[in-house]
All heavy atoms as atom14 arrays in JSON, in Angstrom:
{
  "sequence": "AHCRAVHQIVQNKGSVFSTQGSDAYNLFLTTAVTDG",
  "atom14_mask": [
    [1, 1, 1, 1, 1, 0, 0, 0, 0, 0, 0, 0, 0, 0],
    [1, 1, 1, 1, 1, 1, 1, 1, 1, 1, 0, 0, 0, 0],
    [1, 1, 1, 1, 1, 1, 0, 0, 0, 0, 0, 0, 0, 0],
    [1, 1, 1, 1, 1, 1, 1, 1, 1, 1, 1, 0, 0, 0],
    [1, 1, 1, 1, 1, 0, 0, 0, 0, 0, 0, 0, 0, 0],
    [1, 1, 1, 1, 1, 1, 1, 0, 0, 0, 0, 0, 0, 0],
    [1, 1, 1, 1, 1, 1, 1, 1, 1, 1, 0, 0, 0, 0],
    [1, 1, 1, 1, 1, 1, 1, 1, 1, 0, 0, 0, 0, 0],
    [1, 1, 1, 1, 1, 1, 1, 1, 0, 0, 0, 0, 0, 0],
    [1, 1, 1, 1, 1, 1, 1, 0, 0, 0, 0, 0, 0, 0],
    [1, 1, 1, 1, 1, 1, 1, 1, 1, 0, 0, 0, 0, 0],
    [1, 1, 1, 1, 1, 1, 1, 1, 0, 0, 0, 0, 0, 0],
    [1, 1, 1, 1, 1, 1, 1, 1, 1, 0, 0, 0, 0, 0],
    [1, 1, 1, 1, 0, 0, 0, 0, 0, 0, 0, 0, 0, 0],
    [1, 1, 1, 1, 1, 1, 0, 0, 0, 0, 0, 0, 0, 0],
    [1, 1, 1, 1, 1, 1, 1, 0, 0, 0, 0, 0, 0, 0],
    [1, 1, 1, 1, 1, 1, 1, 1, 1, 1, 1, 0, 0, 0],
    [1, 1, 1, 1, 1, 1, 0, 0, 0, 0, 0, 0, 0, 0],
    [1, 1, 1, 1, 1, 1, 1, 0, 0, 0, 0, 0, 0, 0],
    [1, 1, 1, 1, 1, 1, 1, 1, 1, 0, 0, 0, 0, 0],
    [1, 1, 1, 1, 0, 0, 0, 0, 0, 0, 0, 0, 0, 0],
    [1, 1, 1, 1, 1, 1, 0, 0, 0, 0, 0, 0, 0, 0],
    [1, 1, 1, 1, 1, 1, 1, 1, 0, 0, 0, 0, 0, 0],
    [1, 1, 1, 1, 1, 0, 0, 0, 0, 0, 0, 0, 0, 0],
    [1, 1, 1, 1, 1, 1, 1, 1, 1, 1, 1, 1, 0, 0],
    [1, 1, 1, 1, 1, 1, 1, 1, 0, 0, 0, 0, 0, 0],
    [1, 1, 1, 1, 1, 1, 1, 1, 0, 0, 0, 0, 0, 0],
    [1, 1, 1, 1, 1, 1, 1, 1, 1, 1, 1, 0, 0, 0],
    [1, 1, 1, 1, 1, 1, 1, 1, 0, 0, 0, 0, 0, 0],
    [1, 1, 1, 1, 1, 1, 1, 0, 0, 0, 0, 0, 0, 0],
    [1, 1, 1, 1, 1, 1, 1, 0, 0, 0, 0, 0, 0, 0],
    [1, 1, 1, 1, 1, 0, 0, 0, 0, 0, 0, 0, 0, 0],
    [1, 1, 1, 1, 1, 1, 1, 0, 0, 0, 0, 0, 0, 0],
    [1, 1, 1, 1, 1, 1, 1, 0, 0, 0, 0, 0, 0, 0],
    [1, 1, 1, 1, 1, 1, 1, 1, 0, 0, 0, 0, 0, 0],
    [1, 1, 1, 1, 0, 0, 0, 0, 0, 0, 0, 0, 0, 0]
  ],
  "atom14_positions": [
    [[74.32, 122.0, 122.46], [74.22, 120.63, 121.7], [74.11, 119.41, 122.75], [73.5, 118.47, 122.39], [75.54, 120.38, 120.83], [0.0, 0.0, 0.0], [0.0, 0.0, 0.0], [0.0, 0.0, 0.0], [0.0, 0.0, 0.0], [0.0, 0.0, 0.0], [0.0, 0.0, 0.0], [0.0, 0.0, 0.0], [0.0, 0.0, 0.0], [0.0, 0.0, 0.0]],
    [[74.78, 119.56, 123.78], [74.6, 118.56, 124.95], [74.5, 119.29, 126.26], [74.6, 120.54, 126.35], [75.93, 117.74, 124.97], [76.05, 116.8, 123.89], [75.57, 115.34, 123.92], [76.48, 116.91, 122.63], [75.85, 114.74, 122.88], [76.38, 115.67, 121.87], [0.0, 0.0, 0.0], [0.0, 0.0, 0.0], [0.0, 0.0, 0.0], [0.0, 0.0, 0.0]],
    [[74.19, 118.5, 127.27], [74.14, 119.23, 128.65], [75.36, 119.51, 129.21], [75.59, 120.25, 130.18], [73.33, 118.18, 129.53], [74.04, 116.78, 130.03], [0.0, 0.0, 0.0], [0.0, 0.0, 0.0], [0.0, 0.0, 0.0], [0.0, 0.0, 0.0], [0.0, 0.0, 0.0], [0.0, 0.0, 0.0], [0.0, 0.0, 0.0], [0.0, 0.0, 0.0]],
    [[76.52, 119.05, 128.62], [77.89, 119.33, 129.0], [78.66, 119.7, 127.74], [78.26, 119.41, 126.62], [78.52, 118.19, 129.8], [77.9, 117.86, 131.11], [78.72, 116.94, 131.94], [78.12, 116.66, 133.19], [78.8, 115.88, 134.2], [80.0, 115.54, 133.96], [78.19, 115.62, 135.44], [0.0, 0.0, 0.0], [0.0, 0.0, 0.0], [0.0, 0.0, 0.0]],
    [[79.93, 120.12, 127.95], [80.64, 120.54, 126.81], [81.03, 119.25, 125.97], [81.46, 118.17, 126.54], [81.98, 121.3, 127.31], [0.0, 0.0, 0.0], [0.0, 0.0, 0.0], [0.0, 0.0, 0.0], [0.0, 0.0, 0.0], [0.0, 0.0, 0.0], [0.0, 0.0, 0.0], [0.0, 0.0, 0.0], [0.0, 0.0, 0.0], [0.0, 0.0, 0.0]],
    [[80.93, 119.37, 124.68], [81.33, 118.28, 123.77], [82.76, 117.99, 123.76], [83.66, 118.92, 123.87], [80.85, 118.62, 122.35], [81.36, 117.5, 121.36], [79.36, 118.85, 122.24], [0.0, 0.0, 0.0], [0.0, 0.0, 0.0], [0.0, 0.0, 0.0], [0.0, 0.0, 0.0], [0.0, 0.0, 0.0], [0.0, 0.0, 0.0], [0.0, 0.0, 0.0]],
    [[83.23, 116.79, 124.04], [84.6, 116.41, 124.07], [85.06, 115.57, 122.84], [86.23, 115.25, 122.64], [84.87, 115.66, 125.31], [84.39, 114.29, 125.4], [83.24, 113.95, 126.11], [84.76, 113.04, 124.88], [82.85, 112.77, 126.07], [83.76, 112.11, 125.29], [0.0, 0.0, 0.0], [0.0, 0.0, 0.0], [0.0, 0.0, 0.0], [0.0, 0.0, 0.0]],
    [[84.14, 115.22, 121.94], [84.58, 114.56, 120.7], [83.52, 114.75, 119.56], [82.35, 114.76, 119.85], [84.87, 113.1, 120.87], [85.42, 112.44, 119.7], [85.84, 110.99, 119.95], [85.44, 110.35, 121.02], [86.65, 110.42, 119.06], [0.0, 0.0, 0.0], [0.0, 0.0, 0.0], [0.0, 0.0, 0.0], [0.0, 0.0, 0.0], [0.0, 0.0, 0.0]],
    [[84.0, 115.15, 118.39], [83.14, 115.24, 117.15], [83.82, 114.28, 116.19], [85.07, 114.17, 116.02], [83.17, 116.75, 116.66], [82.74, 117.72, 117.67], [82.31, 116.78, 115.31], [82.94, 119.2, 117.34], [0.0, 0.0, 0.0], [0.0, 0.0, 0.0], [0.0, 0.0, 0.0], [0.0, 0.0, 0.0], [0.0, 0.0, 0.0], [0.0, 0.0, 0.0]],
    [[82.98, 113.47, 115.53], [83.44, 112.59, 114.45], [82.62, 112.75, 113.17], [81.45, 112.82, 113.14], [83.27, 111.11, 114.93], [83.7, 110.06, 113.93], [83.94, 110.93, 116.24], [0.0, 0.0, 0.0], [0.0, 0.0, 0.0], [0.0, 0.0, 0.0], [0.0, 0.0, 0.0], [0.0, 0.0, 0.0], [0.0, 0.0, 0.0], [0.0, 0.0, 0.0]],
    [[83.42, 112.98, 112.12], [82.73, 113.2, 110.79], [82.97, 111.85, 110.06], [83.87, 111.21, 110.28], [83.42, 114.35, 110.25], [83.07, 115.62, 110.67], [83.93, 116.72, 109.92], [85.08, 117.22, 110.43], [83.28, 117.24, 108.85], [0.0, 0.0, 0.0], [0.0, 0.0, 0.0], [0.0, 0.0, 0.0], [0.0, 0.0, 0.0], [0.0, 0.0, 0.0]],
    [[82.15, 111.67, 108.97], [82.32, 110.63, 108.12], [83.5, 110.89, 107.13], [83.52, 111.79, 106.34], [81.07, 110.38, 107.23], [81.24, 109.1, 106.37], [82.14, 108.54, 106.28], [79.96, 108.8, 105.76], [0.0, 0.0, 0.0], [0.0, 0.0, 0.0], [0.0, 0.0, 0.0], [0.0, 0.0, 0.0], [0.0, 0.0, 0.0], [0.0, 0.0, 0.0]],
    [[84.54, 110.03, 107.3], [85.85, 110.28, 106.5], [85.9, 109.29, 105.35], [87.05, 109.35, 104.7], [87.04, 110.16, 107.43], [87.0, 111.19, 108.6], [88.15, 110.95, 109.47], [88.2, 111.98, 110.65], [89.29, 112.0, 111.57], [0.0, 0.0, 0.0], [0.0, 0.0, 0.0], [0.0, 0.0, 0.0], [0.0, 0.0, 0.0], [0.0, 0.0, 0.0]],
    [[84.97, 108.63, 105.09], [84.93, 107.86, 103.94], [85.56, 106.41, 104.19], [86.09, 106.28, 105.28], [0.0, 0.0, 0.0], [0.0, 0.0, 0.0], [0.0, 0.0, 0.0], [0.0, 0.0, 0.0], [0.0, 0.0, 0.0], [0.0, 0.0, 0.0], [0.0, 0.0, 0.0], [0.0, 0.0, 0.0], [0.0, 0.0, 0.0], [0.0, 0.0, 0.0]],
    [[85.71, 105.55, 103.17], [86.31, 104.25, 103.35], [87.03, 103.89, 102.04], [86.37, 104.08, 100.9], [85.31, 103.2, 103.8], [85.86, 101.85, 103.83], [0.0, 0.0, 0.0], [0.0, 0.0, 0.0], [0.0, 0.0, 0.0], [0.0, 0.0, 0.0], [0.0, 0.0, 0.0], [0.0, 0.0, 0.0], [0.0, 0.0, 0.0], [0.0, 0.0, 0.0]],
    [[88.2, 103.21, 102.09], [88.76, 102.7, 100.83], [88.23, 101.33, 100.49], [88.52, 100.89, 99.39], [90.34, 102.51, 101.14], [90.97, 103.97, 101.27], [90.63, 101.6, 102.25], [0.0, 0.0, 0.0], [0.0, 0.0, 0.0], [0.0, 0.0, 0.0], [0.0, 0.0, 0.0], [0.0, 0.0, 0.0], [0.0, 0.0, 0.0], [0.0, 0.0, 0.0]],
    [[87.41, 100.76, 101.28], [86.92, 99.42, 101.11], [85.39, 99.45, 100.52], [84.84, 98.4, 100.03], [86.87, 98.64, 102.43], [88.19, 98.56, 103.11], [88.56, 99.29, 104.27], [89.26, 97.74, 102.35], [89.88, 99.2, 104.66], [90.42, 97.66, 103.12], [90.74, 98.41, 104.22], [0.0, 0.0, 0.0], [0.0, 0.0, 0.0], [0.0, 0.0, 0.0]],
    [[84.79, 100.49, 100.53], [83.48, 100.65, 100.1], [83.02, 102.05, 99.7], [83.51, 102.97, 100.19], [82.34, 100.14, 101.16], [82.37, 100.92, 102.23], [0.0, 0.0, 0.0], [0.0, 0.0, 0.0], [0.0, 0.0, 0.0], [0.0, 0.0, 0.0], [0.0, 0.0, 0.0], [0.0, 0.0, 0.0], [0.0, 0.0, 0.0], [0.0, 0.0, 0.0]],
    [[82.14, 102.12, 98.84], [81.62, 103.41, 98.42], [80.2, 103.74, 99.21], [79.53, 102.91, 99.73], [81.15, 103.46, 96.94], [80.16, 102.39, 96.64], [82.39, 103.12, 96.11], [0.0, 0.0, 0.0], [0.0, 0.0, 0.0], [0.0, 0.0, 0.0], [0.0, 0.0, 0.0], [0.0, 0.0, 0.0], [0.0, 0.0, 0.0], [0.0, 0.0, 0.0]],
    [[80.23, 105.16, 99.44], [79.0, 105.61, 100.1], [78.22, 106.7, 99.44], [78.96, 107.44, 98.57], [79.48, 106.15, 101.49], [80.16, 105.1, 102.41], [80.63, 105.73, 103.6], [79.94, 106.59, 104.35], [81.87, 105.31, 104.04], [0.0, 0.0, 0.0], [0.0, 0.0, 0.0], [0.0, 0.0, 0.0], [0.0, 0.0, 0.0], [0.0, 0.0, 0.0]],
    [[77.0, 106.9, 99.59], [76.24, 107.98, 99.05], [76.78, 109.16, 99.56], [77.27, 109.4, 100.55], [0.0, 0.0, 0.0], [0.0, 0.0, 0.0], [0.0, 0.0, 0.0], [0.0, 0.0, 0.0], [0.0, 0.0, 0.0], [0.0, 0.0, 0.0], [0.0, 0.0, 0.0], [0.0, 0.0, 0.0], [0.0, 0.0, 0.0], [0.0, 0.0, 0.0]],
    [[76.54, 110.34, 98.7], [77.05, 111.64, 99.02], [76.3, 112.17, 100.25], [76.9, 112.98, 101.03], [76.86, 112.57, 97.89], [75.48, 112.71, 97.46], [0.0, 0.0, 0.0], [0.0, 0.0, 0.0], [0.0, 0.0, 0.0], [0.0, 0.0, 0.0], [0.0, 0.0, 0.0], [0.0, 0.0, 0.0], [0.0, 0.0, 0.0], [0.0, 0.0, 0.0]],
    [[75.18, 111.74, 100.49], [74.39, 112.26, 101.63], [75.04, 111.85, 102.92], [74.88, 112.52, 103.95], [72.94, 111.66, 101.63], [72.16, 112.39, 100.53], [72.58, 113.29, 99.93], [71.1, 111.82, 100.24], [0.0, 0.0, 0.0], [0.0, 0.0, 0.0], [0.0, 0.0, 0.0], [0.0, 0.0, 0.0], [0.0, 0.0, 0.0], [0.0, 0.0, 0.0]],
    [[75.77, 110.73, 102.96], [76.39, 110.17, 104.16], [77.52, 111.17, 104.7], [77.69, 111.17, 105.83], [76.94, 108.79, 103.89], [0.0, 0.0, 0.0], [0.0, 0.0, 0.0], [0.0, 0.0, 0.0], [0.0, 0.0, 0.0], [0.0, 0.0, 0.0], [0.0, 0.0, 0.0], [0.0, 0.0, 0.0], [0.0, 0.0, 0.0], [0.0, 0.0, 0.0]],
    [[77.94, 112.0, 103.88], [79.05, 112.84, 104.31], [78.58, 114.05, 104.95], [79.23, 114.85, 105.44], [79.93, 113.23, 103.23], [80.73, 112.1, 102.59], [80.28, 111.28, 101.41], [81.86, 111.46, 103.23], [80.89, 110.19, 100.96], [82.59, 110.49, 102.77], [82.07, 109.85, 101.55], [82.74, 108.75, 101.11], [0.0, 0.0, 0.0], [0.0, 0.0, 0.0]],
    [[77.17, 114.18, 104.95], [76.58, 115.38, 105.68], [76.31, 115.07, 107.17], [75.8, 115.88, 108.0], [75.27, 115.76, 104.98], [75.53, 116.36, 103.75], [76.31, 117.22, 103.43], [74.85, 115.92, 102.57], [0.0, 0.0, 0.0], [0.0, 0.0, 0.0], [0.0, 0.0, 0.0], [0.0, 0.0, 0.0], [0.0, 0.0, 0.0], [0.0, 0.0, 0.0]],
    [[76.64, 113.8, 107.59], [76.32, 113.44, 108.88], [77.67, 113.49, 109.85], [78.74, 113.1, 109.45], [75.78, 111.91, 109.0], [74.61, 111.55, 107.96], [74.13, 110.19, 108.02], [73.42, 112.48, 108.43], [0.0, 0.0, 0.0], [0.0, 0.0, 0.0], [0.0, 0.0, 0.0], [0.0, 0.0, 0.0], [0.0, 0.0, 0.0], [0.0, 0.0, 0.0]],
    [[77.43, 113.78, 111.1], [78.46, 113.77, 112.05], [77.89, 113.56, 113.44], [76.87, 113.53, 113.73], [79.33, 115.05, 112.0], [78.48, 116.36, 112.72], [78.73, 116.73, 114.01], [77.71, 117.03, 111.79], [77.95, 117.76, 114.35], [76.96, 118.19, 112.26], [77.18, 118.46, 113.6], [0.0, 0.0, 0.0], [0.0, 0.0, 0.0], [0.0, 0.0, 0.0]],
    [[78.9, 112.93, 114.26], [78.5, 112.56, 115.65], [79.1, 113.4, 116.68], [80.3, 113.97, 116.59], [79.06, 111.09, 115.99], [78.39, 109.94, 115.2], [79.26, 108.73, 115.3], [76.92, 109.68, 115.61], [0.0, 0.0, 0.0], [0.0, 0.0, 0.0], [0.0, 0.0, 0.0], [0.0, 0.0, 0.0], [0.0, 0.0, 0.0], [0.0, 0.0, 0.0]],
    [[78.48, 113.6, 117.79], [79.0, 114.38, 118.95], [78.88, 113.63, 120.16], [77.85, 112.79, 120.22], [78.44, 115.74, 119.15], [77.06, 115.65, 119.42], [78.65, 116.54, 117.79], [0.0, 0.0, 0.0], [0.0, 0.0, 0.0], [0.0, 0.0, 0.0], [0.0, 0.0, 0.0], [0.0, 0.0, 0.0], [0.0, 0.0, 0.0], [0.0, 0.0, 0.0]],
    [[79.65, 113.67, 121.15], [79.45, 113.05, 122.46], [79.89, 113.92, 123.6], [80.89, 114.67, 123.44], [80.08, 111.73, 122.5], [79.88, 111.06, 123.64], [81.68, 111.85, 122.29], [0.0, 0.0, 0.0], [0.0, 0.0, 0.0], [0.0, 0.0, 0.0], [0.0, 0.0, 0.0], [0.0, 0.0, 0.0], [0.0, 0.0, 0.0], [0.0, 0.0, 0.0]],
    [[79.33, 113.74, 124.75], [79.72, 114.52, 125.9], [79.52, 113.44, 127.11], [78.57, 112.6, 127.14], [78.82, 115.75, 126.04], [0.0, 0.0, 0.0], [0.0, 0.0, 0.0], [0.0, 0.0, 0.0], [0.0, 0.0, 0.0], [0.0, 0.0, 0.0], [0.0, 0.0, 0.0], [0.0, 0.0, 0.0], [0.0, 0.0, 0.0], [0.0, 0.0, 0.0]],
    [[80.23, 113.78, 128.19], [80.18, 112.92, 129.41], [78.77, 112.9, 129.91], [78.16, 114.04, 130.12], [81.12, 113.45, 130.44], [81.04, 112.65, 131.77], [82.64, 113.47, 129.93], [0.0, 0.0, 0.0], [0.0, 0.0, 0.0], [0.0, 0.0, 0.0], [0.0, 0.0, 0.0], [0.0, 0.0, 0.0], [0.0, 0.0, 0.0], [0.0, 0.0, 0.0]],
    [[78.2, 111.67, 130.14], [76.9, 111.54, 130.82], [75.74, 111.87, 129.85], [74.7, 111.77, 130.27], [76.63, 112.2, 132.14], [76.47, 113.64, 131.89], [77.92, 111.84, 133.03], [0.0, 0.0, 0.0], [0.0, 0.0, 0.0], [0.0, 0.0, 0.0], [0.0, 0.0, 0.0], [0.0, 0.0, 0.0], [0.0, 0.0, 0.0], [0.0, 0.0, 0.0]],
    [[76.08, 112.26, 128.65], [74.99, 112.72, 127.75], [74.89, 111.87, 126.35], [74.41, 112.37, 125.49], [75.17, 114.33, 127.48], [73.8, 114.86, 127.01], [72.73, 114.28, 127.32], [73.82, 115.78, 126.21], [0.0, 0.0, 0.0], [0.0, 0.0, 0.0], [0.0, 0.0, 0.0], [0.0, 0.0, 0.0], [0.0, 0.0, 0.0], [0.0, 0.0, 0.0]],
    [[75.52, 110.77, 126.42], [75.41, 109.88, 125.16], [76.04, 110.44, 124.01], [76.81, 111.3, 123.81], [0.0, 0.0, 0.0], [0.0, 0.0, 0.0], [0.0, 0.0, 0.0], [0.0, 0.0, 0.0], [0.0, 0.0, 0.0], [0.0, 0.0, 0.0], [0.0, 0.0, 0.0], [0.0, 0.0, 0.0], [0.0, 0.0, 0.0], [0.0, 0.0, 0.0]]
  ]
}
């Protein structure tokens, strides 16, 4: 997934202040040192 081991994964956890389309909950972020 990255050139180095992933050190953080972030999923969409929703918001109490706004509604989101169901498709938004299929997205997630990953990050690794020096690999954005």
